[in-house]
N, C-alpha and C. Protein backbone atom coordinates (compact mmCIF):
# COMPACT_ATOMS: atom_id res chain seq x y z
N MET A 1 -0.79 0.27 -35.85
CA MET A 1 -0.52 0.53 -34.15
C MET A 1 -1.15 -1.35 -34.55
N SER A 2 -0.73 -2.31 -33.58
CA SER A 2 -1.45 -3.67 -33.69
C SER A 2 -2.32 -3.43 -32.17
N GLU A 3 -3.33 -4.41 -32.15
CA GLU A 3 -4.46 -3.89 -30.81
C GLU A 3 -3.51 -4.40 -29.75
N PRO A 4 -3.82 -4.36 -28.84
CA PRO A 4 -3.09 -4.75 -27.42
C PRO A 4 -3.73 -6.10 -27.03
N LEU A 5 -2.74 -6.51 -26.40
CA LEU A 5 -3.12 -7.85 -25.42
C LEU A 5 -4.44 -7.44 -24.46
N ASN A 6 -5.48 -8.46 -24.57
CA ASN A 6 -6.14 -8.65 -23.40
C ASN A 6 -5.96 -9.89 -22.63
N LEU A 7 -5.54 -9.31 -21.32
CA LEU A 7 -5.07 -10.40 -20.43
C LEU A 7 -5.81 -10.69 -19.30
N VAL A 8 -6.88 -9.41 -19.08
CA VAL A 8 -7.85 -9.37 -18.15
C VAL A 8 -8.40 -10.32 -17.63
N GLY A 9 -7.94 -10.89 -16.35
CA GLY A 9 -8.76 -12.38 -15.56
C GLY A 9 -7.98 -13.62 -15.69
N GLN A 10 -6.58 -13.23 -16.39
CA GLN A 10 -5.69 -14.33 -16.57
C GLN A 10 -4.83 -14.68 -15.00
N LYS A 11 -4.83 -15.64 -14.96
CA LYS A 11 -3.54 -16.04 -13.68
C LYS A 11 -2.21 -16.09 -13.84
N ILE A 12 -1.29 -15.74 -14.14
CA ILE A 12 0.19 -15.68 -14.71
C ILE A 12 0.90 -15.83 -13.22
N GLY A 13 1.67 -17.15 -13.06
CA GLY A 13 2.01 -17.11 -11.84
C GLY A 13 1.40 -16.87 -10.30
N ARG A 14 1.95 -15.82 -9.67
CA ARG A 14 1.14 -15.62 -8.34
C ARG A 14 -0.09 -14.25 -8.70
N LEU A 15 0.45 -13.70 -9.90
CA LEU A 15 -0.36 -12.31 -10.53
C LEU A 15 -2.05 -12.96 -11.01
N THR A 16 -2.71 -12.02 -10.86
CA THR A 16 -4.20 -12.22 -11.27
C THR A 16 -4.27 -10.83 -11.89
N VAL A 17 -4.47 -10.48 -13.28
CA VAL A 17 -4.72 -9.38 -14.10
C VAL A 17 -6.07 -8.70 -13.90
N VAL A 18 -5.84 -7.70 -13.36
CA VAL A 18 -7.77 -7.03 -13.04
C VAL A 18 -8.17 -6.00 -13.83
N ASP A 19 -7.11 -5.05 -14.88
CA ASP A 19 -7.30 -4.33 -15.23
C ASP A 19 -6.45 -3.90 -16.51
N TYR A 20 -6.74 -3.54 -17.35
CA TYR A 20 -6.04 -2.66 -18.70
C TYR A 20 -5.77 -1.30 -18.43
N LEU A 21 -4.69 -1.03 -18.65
CA LEU A 21 -4.06 0.13 -18.11
C LEU A 21 -3.87 1.35 -19.49
N GLY A 22 -4.04 0.64 -20.18
CA GLY A 22 -3.46 1.61 -21.68
C GLY A 22 -1.98 0.94 -22.50
N LEU A 23 -2.04 1.74 -23.56
CA LEU A 23 -0.62 1.77 -24.11
C LEU A 23 0.56 2.75 -23.79
N ARG A 24 1.57 2.39 -23.80
CA ARG A 24 2.62 3.42 -22.94
C ARG A 24 3.47 3.40 -24.53
N LYS A 25 4.10 4.67 -24.31
CA LYS A 25 5.19 5.00 -25.47
C LYS A 25 6.76 4.52 -25.07
N ARG A 26 7.11 3.67 -25.52
CA ARG A 26 8.55 3.49 -25.24
C ARG A 26 9.41 4.33 -26.06
N LYS A 27 10.98 4.41 -25.28
CA LYS A 27 11.70 5.60 -25.81
C LYS A 27 12.02 5.37 -27.17
N ASP A 28 11.99 4.31 -27.89
CA ASP A 28 11.98 3.82 -29.43
C ASP A 28 11.19 4.06 -30.26
N GLY A 29 9.55 4.65 -29.43
CA GLY A 29 8.68 5.41 -30.36
C GLY A 29 7.97 4.11 -30.49
N ARG A 30 8.02 3.11 -30.27
CA ARG A 30 6.67 1.80 -29.98
C ARG A 30 6.07 1.91 -29.28
N HIS A 31 5.03 1.13 -28.70
CA HIS A 31 3.97 1.27 -27.62
C HIS A 31 3.62 -0.31 -27.02
N ASN A 32 3.59 -0.12 -25.46
CA ASN A 32 3.31 -1.67 -25.51
C ASN A 32 2.32 -1.28 -24.36
N SER A 33 1.10 -2.36 -24.19
CA SER A 33 0.39 -2.34 -23.09
C SER A 33 0.94 -2.90 -21.97
N TRP A 34 0.01 -2.43 -20.75
CA TRP A 34 0.55 -2.33 -19.52
C TRP A 34 -0.87 -3.00 -18.85
N PHE A 35 -0.81 -3.67 -17.69
CA PHE A 35 -1.92 -3.96 -17.05
C PHE A 35 -2.00 -3.83 -15.45
N LEU A 36 -2.87 -3.76 -15.04
CA LEU A 36 -3.03 -3.71 -13.43
C LEU A 36 -3.12 -5.18 -12.82
N CYS A 37 -2.13 -5.46 -11.91
CA CYS A 37 -2.36 -7.06 -11.69
C CYS A 37 -2.37 -7.06 -10.13
N GLU A 38 -2.87 -7.68 -9.52
CA GLU A 38 -2.79 -8.02 -8.01
C GLU A 38 -1.92 -9.09 -7.75
N CYS A 39 -1.31 -9.70 -6.27
CA CYS A 39 -0.51 -10.54 -6.44
C CYS A 39 -0.88 -11.39 -5.51
N GLU A 40 -1.09 -12.31 -5.25
CA GLU A 40 -1.34 -13.33 -3.97
C GLU A 40 -1.10 -12.70 -2.63
N CYS A 41 -0.28 -12.14 -2.51
CA CYS A 41 0.46 -11.25 -1.40
C CYS A 41 -0.41 -10.41 -0.99
N GLY A 42 -1.50 -9.68 -1.85
CA GLY A 42 -2.35 -8.72 -1.70
C GLY A 42 -1.67 -7.38 -2.10
N CYS A 43 -0.60 -7.29 -2.60
CA CYS A 43 0.31 -6.14 -3.23
C CYS A 43 -0.66 -6.16 -4.54
N MET A 44 -0.67 -4.54 -5.11
CA MET A 44 -0.76 -4.14 -6.71
C MET A 44 0.40 -3.70 -7.51
N THR A 45 0.65 -4.34 -8.41
CA THR A 45 1.55 -4.26 -9.32
C THR A 45 1.62 -3.71 -10.70
N GLU A 46 1.91 -2.81 -11.64
CA GLU A 46 1.80 -2.99 -12.94
C GLU A 46 2.85 -3.20 -13.73
N LYS A 47 2.05 -4.13 -14.83
CA LYS A 47 3.32 -4.80 -15.72
C LYS A 47 3.09 -4.99 -17.07
N MET A 48 3.96 -4.52 -17.70
CA MET A 48 4.01 -4.68 -19.07
C MET A 48 3.41 -6.32 -19.62
N GLY A 49 2.77 -6.23 -20.67
CA GLY A 49 2.07 -7.41 -20.81
C GLY A 49 3.07 -8.31 -21.80
N THR A 50 3.93 -7.63 -22.27
CA THR A 50 4.94 -8.58 -22.84
C THR A 50 5.84 -9.27 -22.30
N VAL A 51 6.26 -8.80 -20.94
CA VAL A 51 6.45 -9.47 -19.53
C VAL A 51 5.99 -10.57 -19.25
N LEU A 52 4.77 -10.06 -18.94
CA LEU A 52 3.38 -11.15 -18.54
C LEU A 52 3.60 -12.18 -19.24
N THR A 53 3.33 -11.99 -20.64
CA THR A 53 3.44 -13.25 -21.24
C THR A 53 4.47 -13.91 -21.69
N SER A 54 5.71 -13.30 -21.37
CA SER A 54 6.99 -13.79 -21.45
C SER A 54 7.44 -15.11 -20.69
N GLY A 55 6.26 -14.87 -19.26
CA GLY A 55 7.02 -16.09 -18.16
C GLY A 55 7.77 -15.41 -17.39
N LYS A 56 8.37 -14.36 -17.53
CA LYS A 56 9.35 -13.92 -16.53
C LYS A 56 9.23 -13.61 -15.21
N VAL A 57 8.30 -12.74 -15.32
CA VAL A 57 7.69 -12.83 -14.11
C VAL A 57 6.62 -13.24 -13.44
N LYS A 58 6.54 -13.80 -11.82
CA LYS A 58 5.74 -14.95 -11.57
C LYS A 58 4.96 -14.03 -10.38
N SER A 59 5.57 -12.78 -9.57
CA SER A 59 4.76 -12.25 -8.93
C SER A 59 5.33 -10.93 -8.58
N CYS A 60 4.69 -9.91 -7.38
CA CYS A 60 5.14 -8.53 -7.51
C CYS A 60 6.67 -8.09 -6.82
N GLY A 61 7.14 -9.32 -6.90
CA GLY A 61 8.78 -9.63 -6.05
C GLY A 61 8.31 -10.68 -4.77
N CYS A 62 7.56 -10.83 -4.13
CA CYS A 62 7.17 -11.57 -2.78
C CYS A 62 8.04 -13.24 -3.28
N TYR A 63 7.69 -13.45 -4.58
CA TYR A 63 8.12 -14.90 -4.80
C TYR A 63 9.67 -15.12 -4.91
N ARG A 64 10.34 -14.25 -4.72
CA ARG A 64 11.92 -14.35 -4.38
C ARG A 64 12.27 -14.21 -3.18
N LYS A 65 11.30 -13.34 -2.51
CA LYS A 65 11.47 -13.38 -1.06
C LYS A 65 11.11 -14.44 -0.23
N ASP A 66 10.23 -15.10 -0.74
CA ASP A 66 9.24 -16.77 -0.12
C ASP A 66 10.74 -17.80 -0.38
N LYS A 67 11.37 -17.59 -1.35
CA LYS A 67 12.47 -18.48 -1.64
C LYS A 67 13.50 -18.32 -0.53
N MET A 68 13.97 -17.35 0.10
CA MET A 68 14.77 -16.59 0.61
C MET A 68 14.50 -16.94 1.99
N HIS A 69 13.26 -16.70 1.98
CA HIS A 69 12.55 -17.68 3.58
C HIS A 69 12.99 -18.65 3.86
N GLU A 70 12.35 -19.53 2.27
CA GLU A 70 12.68 -21.07 2.64
C GLU A 70 13.79 -21.90 3.09
N LEU A 71 14.94 -21.13 2.55
CA LEU A 71 16.22 -21.46 2.98
C LEU A 71 16.31 -21.20 4.21
N TYR A 72 16.18 -20.09 4.86
CA TYR A 72 16.08 -19.78 6.27
C TYR A 72 15.35 -20.80 7.20
N TYR A 73 14.44 -20.93 6.76
CA TYR A 73 13.60 -22.10 7.66
C TYR A 73 14.25 -23.39 7.71
N LYS A 74 14.69 -23.52 6.43
CA LYS A 74 15.44 -25.08 6.09
C LYS A 74 17.14 -24.98 7.18
N GLY A 75 17.46 -23.79 7.37
CA GLY A 75 18.81 -23.25 8.57
C GLY A 75 17.86 -23.78 9.96
N GLY A 76 16.80 -23.97 10.12
CA GLY A 76 16.15 -24.19 11.24
C GLY A 76 15.40 -23.46 12.04
N LYS A 77 15.01 -21.97 11.48
CA LYS A 77 14.23 -21.08 11.82
C LYS A 77 12.74 -21.59 11.67
N SER A 78 11.92 -20.99 12.17
CA SER A 78 10.23 -21.19 12.12
C SER A 78 9.47 -20.35 11.96
N LYS A 79 8.31 -20.25 11.28
CA LYS A 79 7.65 -19.20 10.97
C LYS A 79 7.06 -18.87 12.19
N LEU A 80 7.11 -19.38 13.06
CA LEU A 80 6.76 -18.71 14.45
C LEU A 80 7.60 -17.77 14.79
N TYR A 81 8.73 -18.17 14.95
CA TYR A 81 10.39 -17.28 15.16
C TYR A 81 10.22 -15.84 14.33
N ASP A 82 9.87 -15.99 13.19
CA ASP A 82 9.91 -15.36 12.04
C ASP A 82 8.80 -14.32 12.76
N VAL A 83 7.43 -14.36 12.91
CA VAL A 83 6.62 -13.90 13.55
C VAL A 83 7.05 -13.42 14.68
N TRP A 84 7.74 -13.66 15.70
CA TRP A 84 8.71 -12.73 16.81
C TRP A 84 9.40 -11.94 16.44
N ARG A 85 10.49 -12.05 15.51
CA ARG A 85 11.58 -11.71 14.89
C ARG A 85 10.60 -10.16 14.33
N MET A 86 10.14 -10.25 13.40
CA MET A 86 9.24 -8.75 12.90
C MET A 86 8.74 -8.02 13.73
N MET A 87 7.94 -8.99 14.74
CA MET A 87 7.09 -7.77 15.63
C MET A 87 8.35 -7.26 16.22
N LYS A 88 9.34 -7.72 16.92
CA LYS A 88 10.60 -7.10 17.55
C LYS A 88 11.06 -5.87 16.78
N SER A 89 10.95 -6.07 15.43
CA SER A 89 11.60 -5.09 14.34
C SER A 89 10.81 -4.31 14.08
N ARG A 90 9.20 -4.43 14.22
CA ARG A 90 8.23 -3.20 13.74
C ARG A 90 8.15 -2.25 14.87
N CYS A 91 8.83 -2.74 16.19
CA CYS A 91 8.36 -2.21 17.39
C CYS A 91 9.81 -1.38 17.97
N LEU A 92 10.67 -1.92 17.47
CA LEU A 92 12.05 -2.04 17.94
C LEU A 92 13.08 -0.85 17.21
N ASP A 93 13.14 -1.17 15.53
CA ASP A 93 13.68 -0.82 14.98
C ASP A 93 13.60 0.32 14.06
N SER A 94 13.91 1.35 14.11
CA SER A 94 13.48 2.79 13.58
C SER A 94 13.69 2.39 12.08
N SER A 95 14.92 1.60 11.27
CA SER A 95 14.83 1.42 10.16
C SER A 95 13.72 0.76 9.28
N ASN A 96 12.80 -0.05 9.85
CA ASN A 96 12.08 -0.78 9.78
C ASN A 96 10.72 -0.22 9.02
N PRO A 97 10.52 -0.09 7.61
CA PRO A 97 9.33 0.86 6.77
C PRO A 97 7.95 0.70 7.73
N HIS A 98 7.90 -0.42 8.88
CA HIS A 98 6.54 -0.02 9.07
C HIS A 98 6.92 0.46 10.71
N TYR A 99 8.08 0.79 11.04
CA TYR A 99 8.18 1.20 12.53
C TYR A 99 7.20 2.29 12.69
N HIS A 100 7.26 3.24 11.96
CA HIS A 100 6.19 4.33 12.29
C HIS A 100 4.59 4.58 12.74
N ASN A 101 4.37 2.90 12.15
CA ASN A 101 2.98 2.86 13.13
C ASN A 101 2.67 1.84 14.05
N TYR A 102 4.08 1.28 14.50
CA TYR A 102 4.34 0.67 15.60
C TYR A 102 4.87 1.51 16.72
N GLY A 103 6.30 0.94 16.98
CA GLY A 103 7.50 1.87 17.77
C GLY A 103 7.07 3.00 17.64
N GLY A 104 7.25 3.83 16.34
CA GLY A 104 7.27 5.05 15.97
C GLY A 104 5.87 6.05 16.85
N ARG A 105 4.89 5.22 17.24
CA ARG A 105 3.70 5.78 17.63
C ARG A 105 3.26 5.22 19.13
N GLY A 106 4.14 4.56 19.63
CA GLY A 106 4.17 4.28 21.09
C GLY A 106 3.80 2.54 21.24
N ILE A 107 3.71 1.65 19.97
CA ILE A 107 3.35 0.25 20.52
C ILE A 107 4.45 -0.25 21.00
N THR A 108 4.37 -0.79 22.41
CA THR A 108 5.43 -1.62 22.69
C THR A 108 5.01 -3.10 22.74
N ILE A 109 6.47 -3.81 23.33
CA ILE A 109 6.17 -5.43 23.69
C ILE A 109 6.67 -5.54 25.25
N CYS A 110 5.62 -6.58 25.36
CA CYS A 110 6.08 -6.85 26.95
C CYS A 110 6.94 -7.27 27.27
N ASP A 111 7.70 -7.40 28.68
CA ASP A 111 9.01 -8.02 29.23
C ASP A 111 9.47 -9.29 28.91
N GLU A 112 8.36 -9.77 28.91
CA GLU A 112 8.03 -11.31 29.10
C GLU A 112 8.38 -11.63 27.97
N TRP A 113 8.03 -11.18 26.66
CA TRP A 113 8.14 -11.62 25.29
C TRP A 113 10.01 -10.86 24.69
N LEU A 114 10.65 -10.53 25.96
CA LEU A 114 11.90 -9.92 25.35
C LEU A 114 13.02 -10.74 26.42
N GLY A 115 13.91 -9.90 25.49
CA GLY A 115 15.42 -10.67 26.41
C GLY A 115 15.45 -12.06 26.15
N LYS A 116 16.65 -12.76 26.71
CA LYS A 116 17.20 -14.34 26.35
C LYS A 116 16.04 -14.59 26.63
N THR A 117 15.11 -14.89 27.23
CA THR A 117 13.71 -15.88 27.31
C THR A 117 12.67 -15.53 26.38
N GLY A 118 12.88 -14.48 25.76
CA GLY A 118 11.68 -13.87 25.21
C GLY A 118 10.76 -14.54 24.32
N TYR A 119 11.64 -15.41 23.27
CA TYR A 119 10.90 -16.14 22.41
C TYR A 119 10.62 -17.42 22.83
N GLU A 120 11.13 -17.75 23.74
CA GLU A 120 10.89 -19.50 24.35
C GLU A 120 9.43 -19.15 25.15
N ASN A 121 9.10 -17.95 25.62
CA ASN A 121 8.07 -17.25 26.28
C ASN A 121 6.88 -16.89 25.17
N PHE A 122 7.43 -16.30 24.00
CA PHE A 122 6.44 -16.26 23.51
C PHE A 122 6.32 -17.53 22.69
N LYS A 123 6.88 -18.48 22.50
CA LYS A 123 6.26 -19.79 21.70
C LYS A 123 5.78 -20.28 22.75
N LYS A 124 5.56 -20.64 24.05
CA LYS A 124 4.57 -21.23 24.77
C LYS A 124 3.14 -20.61 24.90
N TRP A 125 3.02 -19.34 24.55
CA TRP A 125 1.89 -18.60 24.75
C TRP A 125 1.31 -19.19 23.23
N ALA A 126 2.16 -18.75 22.10
CA ALA A 126 1.46 -19.10 21.13
C ALA A 126 0.97 -20.24 20.76
N GLU A 127 1.71 -20.97 21.32
CA GLU A 127 1.05 -22.64 21.34
C GLU A 127 0.06 -23.03 21.85
N SER A 128 0.00 -22.03 23.09
CA SER A 128 -1.18 -22.89 23.76
C SER A 128 -2.62 -21.94 23.38
N HIS A 129 -2.59 -20.80 22.91
CA HIS A 129 -3.68 -20.20 22.18
C HIS A 129 -3.81 -20.19 20.73
N GLY A 130 -3.47 -21.50 20.60
CA GLY A 130 -4.22 -21.39 18.83
C GLY A 130 -3.63 -21.36 17.59
N TYR A 131 -1.95 -21.25 18.26
CA TYR A 131 -1.06 -20.43 16.76
C TYR A 131 -1.16 -21.82 15.84
N LYS A 132 -1.05 -21.18 14.59
CA LYS A 132 -0.69 -22.50 13.54
C LYS A 132 -0.38 -21.74 12.52
N ASP A 133 0.04 -22.18 11.29
CA ASP A 133 0.64 -21.54 9.99
C ASP A 133 -0.47 -20.82 9.31
N GLY A 134 0.01 -19.89 9.39
CA GLY A 134 -1.35 -19.01 8.25
C GLY A 134 -2.10 -17.97 8.69
N LEU A 135 -1.84 -17.95 10.34
CA LEU A 135 -2.77 -17.03 11.12
C LEU A 135 -1.59 -16.10 11.49
N THR A 136 -1.98 -14.54 11.54
CA THR A 136 -1.30 -13.75 12.24
C THR A 136 -1.56 -13.44 13.35
N LEU A 137 -0.51 -12.71 13.88
CA LEU A 137 -0.57 -11.91 15.17
C LEU A 137 -0.90 -10.93 15.39
N ASP A 138 -2.62 -10.84 16.08
CA ASP A 138 -3.35 -9.33 16.22
C ASP A 138 -3.37 -8.88 17.51
N ARG A 139 -3.17 -7.81 17.52
CA ARG A 139 -3.69 -6.72 18.83
C ARG A 139 -5.12 -6.16 19.25
N ASN A 140 -5.64 -6.84 20.06
CA ASN A 140 -7.20 -6.79 20.27
C ASN A 140 -7.56 -5.15 19.92
N ASP A 141 -6.67 -4.37 20.81
CA ASP A 141 -6.58 -2.82 21.02
C ASP A 141 -5.38 -2.38 20.39
N ASN A 142 -5.48 -1.52 19.21
CA ASN A 142 -4.58 -1.80 18.13
C ASN A 142 -4.03 -0.38 18.80
N ASN A 143 -4.47 0.12 19.86
CA ASN A 143 -3.37 1.20 20.18
C ASN A 143 -2.70 0.53 21.36
N LYS A 144 -2.83 -0.65 22.09
CA LYS A 144 -1.83 -0.77 23.20
C LYS A 144 -0.68 -1.99 22.38
N GLY A 145 0.31 -2.40 23.22
CA GLY A 145 1.35 -3.09 22.77
C GLY A 145 0.84 -4.43 23.02
N TYR A 146 2.17 -5.45 22.28
CA TYR A 146 1.96 -6.76 22.23
C TYR A 146 2.39 -7.25 23.44
N SER A 147 1.28 -8.02 24.14
CA SER A 147 1.11 -8.67 25.66
C SER A 147 0.10 -9.86 25.40
N PRO A 148 0.30 -10.77 26.20
CA PRO A 148 -0.64 -12.11 26.45
C PRO A 148 -2.02 -11.49 26.30
N GLU A 149 -2.03 -10.60 27.18
CA GLU A 149 -3.80 -9.59 27.47
C GLU A 149 -4.07 -9.80 26.18
N ASN A 150 -3.10 -8.53 25.26
CA ASN A 150 -3.85 -7.98 24.26
C ASN A 150 -3.95 -8.54 23.06
N CYS A 151 -2.99 -9.94 22.87
CA CYS A 151 -2.93 -10.92 21.60
C CYS A 151 -3.85 -11.32 21.56
N SER A 152 -3.99 -11.99 20.04
CA SER A 152 -4.79 -13.30 19.55
C SER A 152 -4.19 -13.09 17.99
N TRP A 153 -4.74 -14.95 17.44
CA TRP A 153 -4.46 -15.20 16.30
C TRP A 153 -5.51 -15.40 15.41
N GLN A 154 -5.26 -14.56 14.47
CA GLN A 154 -6.07 -14.23 13.32
C GLN A 154 -6.11 -14.54 11.97
N THR A 155 -6.50 -14.93 11.27
CA THR A 155 -6.57 -15.40 9.50
C THR A 155 -6.19 -13.71 9.07
N MET A 156 -5.67 -13.51 7.64
CA MET A 156 -5.60 -12.31 7.02
C MET A 156 -6.57 -12.03 6.80
N GLU A 157 -7.99 -12.33 6.72
CA GLU A 157 -9.31 -11.90 5.72
C GLU A 157 -9.39 -10.97 6.97
N PHE A 158 -9.47 -11.35 8.78
CA PHE A 158 -9.84 -10.92 9.92
C PHE A 158 -9.02 -9.48 10.41
N GLN A 159 -7.97 -9.53 10.12
CA GLN A 159 -7.08 -8.29 9.89
C GLN A 159 -7.05 -7.46 9.21
N SER A 160 -7.81 -7.62 8.20
CA SER A 160 -7.35 -6.46 6.91
C SER A 160 -9.05 -5.89 6.98
N ASN A 161 -10.01 -6.34 7.78
CA ASN A 161 -10.95 -5.97 7.99
C ASN A 161 -11.14 -5.14 9.23
N HIS A 162 -10.16 -5.14 9.89
CA HIS A 162 -10.00 -4.65 11.49
C HIS A 162 -8.68 -3.74 11.39
N LYS A 163 -8.11 -3.37 10.21
CA LYS A 163 -7.21 -2.72 10.38
C LYS A 163 -7.35 -1.18 11.03
N ARG A 164 -6.13 -0.47 12.16
CA ARG A 164 -6.57 1.09 12.03
C ARG A 164 -6.59 1.80 11.37
N ASN A 165 -5.76 1.77 9.97
CA ASN A 165 -5.85 2.36 8.78
C ASN A 165 -7.13 2.00 7.49
N ASN A 166 -8.42 0.73 8.32
CA ASN A 166 -9.03 0.74 7.12
C ASN A 166 -9.81 2.03 6.63
N ARG A 167 -10.23 2.05 5.30
CA ARG A 167 -10.27 3.34 4.55
C ARG A 167 -12.09 3.47 4.82
N TYR A 168 -12.58 4.29 5.29
CA TYR A 168 -13.85 4.97 5.28
C TYR A 168 -14.03 6.12 4.05
N ILE A 169 -14.95 5.70 3.34
CA ILE A 169 -14.93 6.92 2.14
C ILE A 169 -16.56 7.02 2.33
N GLU A 170 -16.90 8.70 2.14
CA GLU A 170 -18.25 9.02 1.98
C GLU A 170 -18.50 9.27 0.69
N MET A 171 -19.70 9.11 0.67
CA MET A 171 -20.64 9.30 -0.64
C MET A 171 -21.93 9.37 -0.47
N ASN A 172 -22.66 10.22 -0.97
CA ASN A 172 -23.90 10.49 -1.12
C ASN A 172 -24.49 10.85 0.32
N GLY A 173 -23.81 10.96 1.63
CA GLY A 173 -24.11 11.47 2.48
C GLY A 173 -23.82 10.10 3.42
N VAL A 174 -23.30 8.95 3.00
CA VAL A 174 -23.05 7.55 3.52
C VAL A 174 -22.24 7.44 3.80
N THR A 175 -21.63 7.07 4.84
CA THR A 175 -20.11 6.73 4.97
C THR A 175 -19.42 5.30 5.59
N LYS A 176 -18.63 4.38 4.33
CA LYS A 176 -18.62 2.96 4.76
C LYS A 176 -17.69 2.73 4.13
N THR A 177 -16.62 1.33 4.51
CA THR A 177 -15.36 1.13 4.25
C THR A 177 -15.51 0.71 2.98
N LEU A 178 -14.23 1.18 1.66
CA LEU A 178 -14.06 0.86 0.86
C LEU A 178 -14.64 -0.28 0.71
N ALA A 179 -14.59 -2.01 1.25
CA ALA A 179 -14.66 -2.81 1.25
C ALA A 179 -16.12 -3.35 1.30
N MET A 180 -16.85 -2.38 1.96
CA MET A 180 -18.40 -2.34 1.90
C MET A 180 -19.01 -1.43 0.51
N TRP A 181 -18.20 -0.59 -0.04
CA TRP A 181 -18.86 0.01 -1.24
C TRP A 181 -18.64 -1.20 -2.15
N CYS A 182 -17.77 -1.66 -2.61
CA CYS A 182 -17.39 -2.39 -3.42
C CYS A 182 -18.54 -3.75 -3.39
N LYS A 183 -18.92 -4.69 -1.80
CA LYS A 183 -19.57 -5.33 -2.04
C LYS A 183 -21.14 -4.89 -2.21
N GLU A 184 -21.30 -3.52 -2.13
CA GLU A 184 -22.44 -3.30 -2.41
C GLU A 184 -22.87 -3.03 -3.77
N TYR A 185 -21.88 -2.52 -4.61
CA TYR A 185 -22.01 -2.43 -5.99
C TYR A 185 -21.27 -3.85 -6.58
N GLY A 186 -20.86 -4.30 -6.04
CA GLY A 186 -19.94 -5.63 -6.97
C GLY A 186 -19.13 -5.52 -7.69
N ALA A 187 -18.29 -4.35 -6.96
CA ALA A 187 -16.77 -4.18 -7.92
C ALA A 187 -15.97 -4.88 -7.29
N GLU A 188 -14.66 -5.02 -7.83
CA GLU A 188 -13.80 -5.69 -7.69
C GLU A 188 -12.90 -4.83 -6.49
N TYR A 189 -12.36 -4.95 -5.43
CA TYR A 189 -11.91 -4.40 -4.14
C TYR A 189 -10.75 -3.53 -5.22
N SER A 190 -9.52 -4.27 -5.41
CA SER A 190 -8.21 -4.13 -6.17
C SER A 190 -8.38 -3.23 -6.95
N ARG A 191 -9.07 -3.36 -8.00
CA ARG A 191 -9.50 -2.54 -9.07
C ARG A 191 -9.88 -1.15 -9.11
N THR A 192 -10.58 -0.89 -7.99
CA THR A 192 -11.38 0.30 -7.49
C THR A 192 -10.69 0.82 -6.47
N ARG A 193 -9.70 0.35 -5.70
CA ARG A 193 -8.52 0.79 -4.75
C ARG A 193 -7.46 1.87 -5.74
N TYR A 194 -7.10 0.91 -6.50
CA TYR A 194 -6.18 1.29 -7.74
C TYR A 194 -6.58 2.73 -8.40
N ARG A 195 -8.05 2.70 -8.97
CA ARG A 195 -8.87 4.00 -9.38
C ARG A 195 -8.71 4.92 -8.55
N ILE A 196 -9.58 4.86 -6.99
CA ILE A 196 -9.26 5.90 -6.29
C ILE A 196 -7.80 6.52 -6.06
N ASN A 197 -6.72 5.75 -6.02
CA ASN A 197 -5.41 6.29 -5.90
C ASN A 197 -5.39 7.17 -7.25
N HIS A 198 -5.30 6.77 -8.17
CA HIS A 198 -4.94 7.68 -9.45
C HIS A 198 -6.35 8.66 -10.03
N GLY A 199 -6.97 9.24 -8.70
CA GLY A 199 -8.12 10.05 -9.35
C GLY A 199 -9.33 10.16 -9.41
N TYR A 200 -9.99 8.71 -9.45
CA TYR A 200 -10.83 8.34 -9.73
C TYR A 200 -12.30 8.57 -8.47
N THR A 201 -13.22 9.10 -8.92
CA THR A 201 -14.13 9.73 -7.75
C THR A 201 -14.64 8.37 -6.97
N LEU A 202 -15.43 8.18 -6.29
CA LEU A 202 -15.58 6.79 -5.37
C LEU A 202 -16.77 6.11 -6.66
N PHE A 203 -17.57 7.02 -6.94
CA PHE A 203 -18.95 6.56 -8.29
C PHE A 203 -18.06 5.99 -9.34
N ASP A 204 -17.49 6.71 -9.62
CA ASP A 204 -16.69 6.40 -10.54
C ASP A 204 -15.78 5.26 -11.17
N ALA A 205 -14.66 5.06 -9.70
CA ALA A 205 -14.25 3.61 -9.49
C ALA A 205 -15.23 2.39 -9.33
N LEU A 206 -16.07 2.87 -8.77
CA LEU A 206 -17.07 1.36 -8.47
C LEU A 206 -17.97 1.19 -9.92
N THR A 207 -18.17 2.31 -11.08
CA THR A 207 -19.11 1.53 -11.84
C THR A 207 -18.48 1.49 -13.37
N LYS A 208 -17.50 2.63 -13.39
CA LYS A 208 -16.71 2.24 -14.87
C LYS A 208 -16.27 1.09 -14.97
N PRO A 209 -16.92 0.51 -15.99
CA PRO A 209 -16.55 -1.18 -16.78
C PRO A 209 -14.72 -0.74 -16.98
N PRO A 210 -13.97 -1.97 -16.92
CA PRO A 210 -12.33 -1.87 -17.41
C PRO A 210 -12.75 -1.98 -18.79
N LEU A 211 -11.72 -0.99 -19.17
CA LEU A 211 -11.59 -1.44 -20.89
C LEU A 211 -11.88 -2.65 -21.62
N PHE A 212 -11.02 -3.69 -20.75
CA PHE A 212 -11.24 -5.34 -21.13
C PHE A 212 -11.95 -5.99 -20.46
N LYS A 213 -12.48 -6.93 -20.53
CA LYS A 213 -13.58 -7.40 -20.06
C LYS A 213 -12.85 -8.92 -19.50
N LYS A 214 -13.02 -9.88 -18.66
CA LYS A 214 -12.40 -10.82 -18.68
C LYS A 214 -12.95 -11.71 -19.74
N GLY A 215 -11.96 -12.49 -20.43
CA GLY A 215 -12.46 -13.66 -20.99
C GLY A 215 -12.96 -12.63 -22.91
N ALA A 216 -13.15 -11.49 -22.89
CA ALA A 216 -13.55 -10.58 -24.25
C ALA A 216 -12.41 -10.65 -24.91
């Protein structure tokens, strides 16, 4: 059996290879190396090494979606309009995959941002309250709905640190967010999160070295 590829640390398209997952047997009896990758959009995905090196994969799947969005925006719609549209979908459309965290738990949208003039009102508020591309719509109180009084524009980093479901984990009688534990131990967040989701203890997830190291 040939030596497995070492791709850890490499950037391939939008994917950064963060860990080696081992060899997996194919139906024909041969083996392929698999890797854990983090996409620029924040999603984690498992990819086969030969697929990564072939150049056929650029992302977790978001690249294609973004290309579709580009066509959407060229048709006259703005990114701000998309923010408004997705806000409504999360709160009002039960088929939306995130509905259970929004409309399903009582998160509403103020009347001012709905109806025939809803988008125009939302746009006026956004432009007068610091909106620019790259910022996200944040609810100051996660248990209240979308309204001028409860919303602001924040960076993705701010939102990820203030999510309602931010992960708190206890170890040796001390409770911290996973991000805090990673910072304390100098561990890579994406790899640690993946390991915990696959049965590692917090300590092992933080301290166990990867099978391959960057550039090794």
